[in-house]
């Protein structure tokens, strides 16, 4: 007979692991989707941005700020711009880009927010 000893810490770690797996963007056929909501001065990601791999990504960005904002996406290693566009209140736009092993960063260039830097590993 196998006995399991559960502790509060053990349950928390197990739940956190399952949640990370459930909300990590999949790398199935086709691009990996990252869903971002943009508010006044910050972004909120639907999926976790940990453990990403190089490849094709589809960024789905929705303006939830109530005013005009923008989205700027850069290669983290080279600082080259991958995409940039404005978003009117309530508008959603999609950007399909290729992300390399250096990672990426994004921000709002209209309503200045700090860069959100995301590492990508092979």
N, C-alpha and C. Protein backbone atom coordinates (compact mmCIF):
# COMPACT_ATOMS: atom_id res chain seq x y z
N UNK A 1 0.84 -1.16 0.00
CA UNK A 1 0.00 0.00 0.00
C UNK A 1 0.90 1.23 0.00
N UNK A 2 0.51 2.22 -0.79
CA UNK A 2 1.25 3.47 -0.85
C UNK A 2 0.49 4.51 -0.05
N UNK A 3 1.20 5.20 0.83
CA UNK A 3 0.59 6.26 1.62
C UNK A 3 1.15 7.60 1.17
N UNK A 4 0.27 8.53 0.99
CA UNK A 4 0.68 9.88 0.62
C UNK A 4 0.50 10.79 1.82
N UNK A 5 1.49 11.60 2.05
CA UNK A 5 1.40 12.57 3.14
C UNK A 5 1.27 13.95 2.52
N UNK A 6 0.13 14.56 2.68
CA UNK A 6 -0.12 15.87 2.10
C UNK A 6 0.07 16.95 3.14
N UNK A 7 0.77 17.98 2.74
CA UNK A 7 0.92 19.14 3.61
C UNK A 7 0.33 20.34 2.88
N UNK A 8 0.08 21.39 3.59
CA UNK A 8 -0.44 22.60 2.96
C UNK A 8 0.54 23.10 1.90
N UNK A 9 1.83 23.10 2.23
CA UNK A 9 2.85 23.53 1.27
C UNK A 9 2.88 22.64 0.05
N UNK A 10 2.75 21.34 0.25
CA UNK A 10 2.76 20.39 -0.87
C UNK A 10 1.56 20.58 -1.78
N UNK A 11 0.42 20.82 -1.18
CA UNK A 11 -0.79 21.06 -1.97
C UNK A 11 -0.65 22.35 -2.76
N UNK A 12 -0.10 23.39 -2.14
CA UNK A 12 0.09 24.67 -2.83
C UNK A 12 1.02 24.51 -4.02
N UNK A 13 2.14 23.80 -3.83
CA UNK A 13 3.09 23.59 -4.93
C UNK A 13 2.43 22.80 -6.06
N UNK A 14 1.66 21.77 -5.72
CA UNK A 14 0.99 20.97 -6.74
C UNK A 14 -0.01 21.82 -7.52
N UNK A 15 -0.81 22.63 -6.82
CA UNK A 15 -1.78 23.49 -7.49
C UNK A 15 -1.11 24.53 -8.36
N UNK A 16 -0.04 25.14 -7.87
CA UNK A 16 0.69 26.14 -8.64
C UNK A 16 1.27 25.53 -9.91
N UNK A 17 1.79 24.31 -9.81
CA UNK A 17 2.35 23.63 -10.97
C UNK A 17 1.27 23.34 -12.01
N UNK A 18 0.14 22.83 -11.54
CA UNK A 18 -0.96 22.55 -12.46
C UNK A 18 -1.48 23.82 -13.13
N UNK A 19 -1.58 24.91 -12.37
CA UNK A 19 -2.04 26.17 -12.95
C UNK A 19 -1.06 26.69 -13.99
N UNK A 20 0.24 26.58 -13.72
CA UNK A 20 1.25 27.04 -14.68
C UNK A 20 1.16 26.24 -15.97
N UNK A 21 0.95 24.94 -15.84
CA UNK A 21 0.83 24.09 -17.03
C UNK A 21 -0.43 24.45 -17.80
N UNK A 22 -1.52 24.67 -17.09
CA UNK A 22 -2.80 24.97 -17.73
C UNK A 22 -2.79 26.30 -18.46
N UNK A 23 -2.08 27.29 -17.96
CA UNK A 23 -2.12 28.62 -18.55
C UNK A 23 -0.88 28.98 -19.35
N UNK A 24 0.02 28.05 -19.56
CA UNK A 24 1.18 28.30 -20.40
C UNK A 24 0.77 28.13 -21.85
N UNK A 25 1.10 29.09 -22.72
CA UNK A 25 0.72 28.96 -24.12
C UNK A 25 1.27 27.68 -24.73
N UNK A 26 0.47 26.99 -25.48
CA UNK A 26 0.87 25.72 -26.09
C UNK A 26 1.74 25.97 -27.31
N UNK A 27 2.61 25.02 -27.61
CA UNK A 27 3.46 25.10 -28.80
C UNK A 27 3.04 24.02 -29.78
N UNK A 28 1.75 23.89 -29.99
CA UNK A 28 1.22 22.94 -30.95
C UNK A 28 1.43 23.52 -32.35
N UNK A 29 0.87 22.86 -33.35
CA UNK A 29 0.97 23.37 -34.71
C UNK A 29 0.38 24.76 -34.77
N UNK A 30 1.08 25.65 -35.43
CA UNK A 30 0.62 27.02 -35.52
C UNK A 30 1.27 27.89 -34.47
N UNK A 31 0.98 29.19 -34.52
CA UNK A 31 1.63 30.12 -33.58
C UNK A 31 1.11 29.96 -32.15
N UNK A 32 1.95 30.34 -31.21
CA UNK A 32 1.56 30.38 -29.81
C UNK A 32 0.85 31.70 -29.55
N UNK A 33 -0.31 31.65 -28.92
CA UNK A 33 -1.09 32.86 -28.67
C UNK A 33 -0.77 33.43 -27.29
N UNK A 34 -0.57 34.74 -27.27
CA UNK A 34 -0.41 35.49 -26.02
C UNK A 34 -1.48 36.57 -26.02
N UNK A 35 -2.35 36.52 -25.03
CA UNK A 35 -3.47 37.45 -24.93
C UNK A 35 -3.15 38.52 -23.89
N UNK A 36 -3.13 39.78 -24.32
CA UNK A 36 -2.81 40.89 -23.43
C UNK A 36 -3.97 41.88 -23.37
N UNK A 37 -4.33 42.30 -22.17
CA UNK A 37 -5.28 43.38 -21.97
C UNK A 37 -4.49 44.59 -21.52
N UNK A 38 -4.71 45.72 -22.18
CA UNK A 38 -3.98 46.95 -21.84
C UNK A 38 -4.91 47.89 -21.08
N UNK A 39 -4.47 48.28 -19.90
CA UNK A 39 -5.21 49.20 -19.04
C UNK A 39 -4.45 50.53 -18.97
N UNK A 40 -4.89 51.44 -18.13
CA UNK A 40 -4.20 52.72 -17.94
C UNK A 40 -2.86 52.50 -17.25
N UNK A 41 -1.79 52.40 -18.01
CA UNK A 41 -0.45 52.30 -17.44
C UNK A 41 0.09 50.91 -17.20
N UNK A 42 -0.66 49.84 -17.54
CA UNK A 42 -0.13 48.49 -17.36
C UNK A 42 -0.83 47.50 -18.27
N UNK A 43 -0.21 46.33 -18.42
CA UNK A 43 -0.75 45.22 -19.20
C UNK A 43 -1.07 44.06 -18.27
N UNK A 44 -2.03 43.27 -18.65
CA UNK A 44 -2.38 42.04 -17.95
C UNK A 44 -2.36 40.91 -18.96
N UNK A 45 -1.62 39.84 -18.68
CA UNK A 45 -1.53 38.70 -19.59
C UNK A 45 -2.44 37.58 -19.13
N UNK A 46 -3.17 37.00 -20.07
CA UNK A 46 -4.06 35.87 -19.73
C UNK A 46 -3.22 34.62 -19.44
N UNK A 47 -2.22 34.38 -20.26
CA UNK A 47 -1.37 33.20 -20.10
C UNK A 47 -0.10 33.58 -19.32
N UNK A 48 0.55 32.59 -18.73
CA UNK A 48 1.84 32.86 -18.10
C UNK A 48 2.87 33.06 -19.21
N UNK A 49 3.82 33.94 -18.96
CA UNK A 49 4.85 34.21 -19.97
C UNK A 49 6.17 33.54 -19.59
N UNK A 50 6.12 32.55 -18.73
CA UNK A 50 7.31 31.80 -18.32
C UNK A 50 7.45 30.56 -19.20
N UNK A 51 8.68 30.18 -19.48
CA UNK A 51 8.95 28.95 -20.20
C UNK A 51 8.66 29.00 -21.69
N UNK A 52 8.69 30.19 -22.28
CA UNK A 52 8.42 30.32 -23.71
C UNK A 52 9.64 29.89 -24.53
N UNK A 53 9.38 29.41 -25.72
CA UNK A 53 10.42 28.95 -26.65
C UNK A 53 10.41 29.84 -27.89
N UNK A 54 11.53 29.88 -28.62
CA UNK A 54 11.54 30.64 -29.88
C UNK A 54 10.50 30.08 -30.85
N UNK A 55 9.95 30.95 -31.68
CA UNK A 55 8.99 30.49 -32.67
C UNK A 55 8.02 31.58 -33.06
N UNK A 56 6.92 31.17 -33.71
CA UNK A 56 5.89 32.11 -34.15
C UNK A 56 4.91 32.37 -33.01
N UNK A 57 4.60 33.66 -32.82
CA UNK A 57 3.68 34.07 -31.76
C UNK A 57 2.59 34.96 -32.33
N UNK A 58 1.40 34.80 -31.79
CA UNK A 58 0.27 35.63 -32.13
C UNK A 58 -0.09 36.42 -30.86
N UNK A 59 0.15 37.73 -30.90
CA UNK A 59 -0.19 38.60 -29.78
C UNK A 59 -1.59 39.16 -30.05
N UNK A 60 -2.51 38.93 -29.13
CA UNK A 60 -3.86 39.46 -29.23
C UNK A 60 -3.99 40.51 -28.13
N UNK A 61 -4.05 41.79 -28.53
CA UNK A 61 -4.01 42.90 -27.58
C UNK A 61 -5.35 43.65 -27.61
N UNK A 62 -5.94 43.82 -26.42
CA UNK A 62 -7.21 44.54 -26.29
C UNK A 62 -7.02 45.77 -25.43
N UNK A 63 -7.53 46.90 -25.91
CA UNK A 63 -7.47 48.15 -25.17
C UNK A 63 -8.64 48.21 -24.20
N UNK A 64 -8.34 48.15 -22.91
CA UNK A 64 -9.36 48.22 -21.86
C UNK A 64 -9.21 49.50 -21.03
N UNK A 65 -8.52 50.50 -21.59
CA UNK A 65 -8.20 51.70 -20.83
C UNK A 65 -9.25 52.80 -20.93
N UNK A 66 -10.08 52.77 -21.95
CA UNK A 66 -11.05 53.83 -22.12
C UNK A 66 -10.51 55.04 -22.88
N UNK A 67 -9.26 54.95 -23.33
CA UNK A 67 -8.67 56.02 -24.14
C UNK A 67 -7.73 55.38 -25.17
N UNK A 68 -7.26 56.16 -26.13
CA UNK A 68 -6.37 55.64 -27.16
C UNK A 68 -5.03 55.25 -26.53
N UNK A 69 -4.56 54.06 -26.87
CA UNK A 69 -3.27 53.56 -26.41
C UNK A 69 -2.55 52.94 -27.60
N UNK A 70 -1.40 52.33 -27.35
CA UNK A 70 -0.65 51.68 -28.42
C UNK A 70 0.03 50.43 -27.92
N UNK A 71 0.59 49.68 -28.84
CA UNK A 71 1.34 48.47 -28.51
C UNK A 71 2.60 48.47 -29.34
N UNK A 72 3.73 48.33 -28.67
CA UNK A 72 5.02 48.26 -29.35
C UNK A 72 5.72 47.00 -28.88
N UNK A 73 6.23 46.22 -29.83
CA UNK A 73 6.88 44.94 -29.56
C UNK A 73 8.27 44.96 -30.17
N UNK A 74 9.28 44.63 -29.37
CA UNK A 74 10.67 44.64 -29.84
C UNK A 74 11.36 43.32 -29.52
N UNK A 75 12.37 43.00 -30.33
CA UNK A 75 13.28 41.90 -30.04
C UNK A 75 14.14 42.34 -28.86
N UNK A 76 14.21 41.54 -27.82
CA UNK A 76 14.94 41.92 -26.61
C UNK A 76 16.45 41.99 -26.84
N UNK A 77 16.97 41.14 -27.69
CA UNK A 77 18.41 41.10 -27.92
C UNK A 77 18.90 42.24 -28.82
N UNK A 78 18.16 42.51 -29.89
CA UNK A 78 18.61 43.50 -30.88
C UNK A 78 17.91 44.85 -30.76
N UNK A 79 16.83 44.92 -29.98
CA UNK A 79 15.98 46.11 -29.85
C UNK A 79 15.31 46.49 -31.17
N UNK A 80 15.31 45.58 -32.14
CA UNK A 80 14.63 45.88 -33.40
C UNK A 80 13.12 45.75 -33.20
N UNK A 81 12.39 46.65 -33.83
CA UNK A 81 10.94 46.67 -33.68
C UNK A 81 10.32 45.52 -34.47
N UNK A 82 9.47 44.75 -33.80
CA UNK A 82 8.76 43.65 -34.44
C UNK A 82 7.37 44.10 -34.91
N UNK A 83 6.75 45.02 -34.16
CA UNK A 83 5.44 45.56 -34.55
C UNK A 83 5.13 46.77 -33.67
N UNK A 84 4.26 47.64 -34.18
CA UNK A 84 3.76 48.78 -33.42
C UNK A 84 2.43 49.19 -34.04
N UNK A 85 1.44 49.49 -33.18
CA UNK A 85 0.15 49.95 -33.68
C UNK A 85 -0.64 50.65 -32.58
N UNK A 86 -1.57 51.55 -32.98
CA UNK A 86 -2.45 52.20 -32.01
C UNK A 86 -3.69 51.33 -31.77
N UNK A 87 -4.34 51.57 -30.63
CA UNK A 87 -5.59 50.88 -30.30
C UNK A 87 -6.59 51.88 -29.75
N UNK A 88 -7.76 51.95 -30.34
CA UNK A 88 -8.83 52.79 -29.81
C UNK A 88 -9.50 52.08 -28.65
N UNK A 89 -10.24 52.79 -27.81
CA UNK A 89 -10.92 52.16 -26.67
C UNK A 89 -11.78 50.96 -27.12
N UNK A 90 -11.59 49.84 -26.45
CA UNK A 90 -12.34 48.63 -26.74
C UNK A 90 -11.86 47.83 -27.93
N UNK A 91 -10.90 48.34 -28.68
CA UNK A 91 -10.40 47.68 -29.89
C UNK A 91 -9.45 46.54 -29.54
N UNK A 92 -9.49 45.48 -30.35
CA UNK A 92 -8.56 44.35 -30.24
C UNK A 92 -7.83 44.22 -31.56
N UNK A 93 -6.52 44.05 -31.50
CA UNK A 93 -5.72 43.83 -32.70
C UNK A 93 -4.81 42.64 -32.47
N UNK A 94 -4.44 42.00 -33.55
CA UNK A 94 -3.59 40.82 -33.50
C UNK A 94 -2.30 41.07 -34.27
N UNK A 95 -1.20 40.60 -33.72
CA UNK A 95 0.11 40.74 -34.35
C UNK A 95 0.75 39.37 -34.43
N UNK A 96 1.15 38.95 -35.61
CA UNK A 96 1.81 37.68 -35.81
C UNK A 96 3.29 37.95 -36.06
N UNK A 97 4.16 37.47 -35.17
CA UNK A 97 5.60 37.74 -35.28
C UNK A 97 6.41 36.48 -34.97
N UNK A 98 7.65 36.51 -35.38
CA UNK A 98 8.59 35.43 -35.04
C UNK A 98 9.49 35.94 -33.92
N UNK A 99 9.56 35.17 -32.83
CA UNK A 99 10.37 35.53 -31.67
C UNK A 99 11.60 34.62 -31.63
N UNK A 100 12.77 35.24 -31.50
CA UNK A 100 14.01 34.48 -31.43
C UNK A 100 14.39 34.11 -30.01
N UNK A 101 15.55 33.46 -29.87
CA UNK A 101 16.01 32.98 -28.57
C UNK A 101 16.35 34.12 -27.61
N UNK A 102 16.50 35.33 -28.11
CA UNK A 102 16.83 36.45 -27.24
C UNK A 102 15.68 36.96 -26.41
N UNK A 103 14.44 36.62 -26.79
CA UNK A 103 13.27 37.09 -26.06
C UNK A 103 12.66 38.33 -26.70
N UNK A 104 11.70 38.92 -25.99
CA UNK A 104 11.01 40.09 -26.52
C UNK A 104 10.64 41.02 -25.37
N UNK A 105 10.25 42.24 -25.76
CA UNK A 105 9.75 43.19 -24.78
C UNK A 105 8.63 43.99 -25.43
N UNK A 106 7.71 44.47 -24.59
CA UNK A 106 6.59 45.23 -25.12
C UNK A 106 6.21 46.35 -24.16
N UNK A 107 5.51 47.35 -24.69
CA UNK A 107 5.07 48.50 -23.89
C UNK A 107 4.02 49.27 -24.69
N UNK A 108 3.47 50.30 -24.05
CA UNK A 108 2.59 51.24 -24.73
C UNK A 108 3.40 52.50 -25.02
N UNK A 109 3.58 52.87 -26.28
CA UNK A 109 4.34 54.08 -26.59
C UNK A 109 3.50 55.37 -26.48
N UNK A 110 2.18 55.26 -26.42
CA UNK A 110 1.31 56.43 -26.34
C UNK A 110 1.08 56.85 -24.90
N UNK A 111 0.66 55.90 -24.06
CA UNK A 111 0.47 56.11 -22.63
C UNK A 111 1.65 55.41 -21.97
N UNK A 112 2.79 56.10 -21.87
CA UNK A 112 4.04 55.42 -21.53
C UNK A 112 3.95 54.48 -20.33
N UNK A 113 4.32 53.25 -20.60
CA UNK A 113 4.43 52.22 -19.57
C UNK A 113 5.87 51.72 -19.60
N UNK A 114 6.31 51.09 -18.52
CA UNK A 114 7.66 50.51 -18.56
C UNK A 114 7.68 49.33 -19.54
N UNK A 115 8.86 48.99 -20.01
CA UNK A 115 9.00 47.81 -20.87
C UNK A 115 8.72 46.56 -20.04
N UNK A 116 7.97 45.65 -20.62
CA UNK A 116 7.77 44.32 -20.06
C UNK A 116 8.73 43.41 -20.81
N UNK A 117 9.75 42.89 -20.12
CA UNK A 117 10.75 42.05 -20.78
C UNK A 117 10.47 40.59 -20.50
N UNK A 118 10.51 39.76 -21.56
CA UNK A 118 10.21 38.35 -21.44
C UNK A 118 11.34 37.54 -22.07
N UNK A 119 11.92 36.67 -21.28
CA UNK A 119 13.00 35.80 -21.76
C UNK A 119 12.41 34.61 -22.53
N UNK A 120 13.15 34.17 -23.52
CA UNK A 120 12.78 33.01 -24.30
C UNK A 120 14.00 32.11 -24.36
N UNK A 121 13.82 30.82 -24.05
CA UNK A 121 14.95 29.90 -24.02
C UNK A 121 14.73 28.78 -25.01
N UNK A 122 15.83 28.27 -25.56
CA UNK A 122 15.77 27.13 -26.50
C UNK A 122 15.22 25.92 -25.83
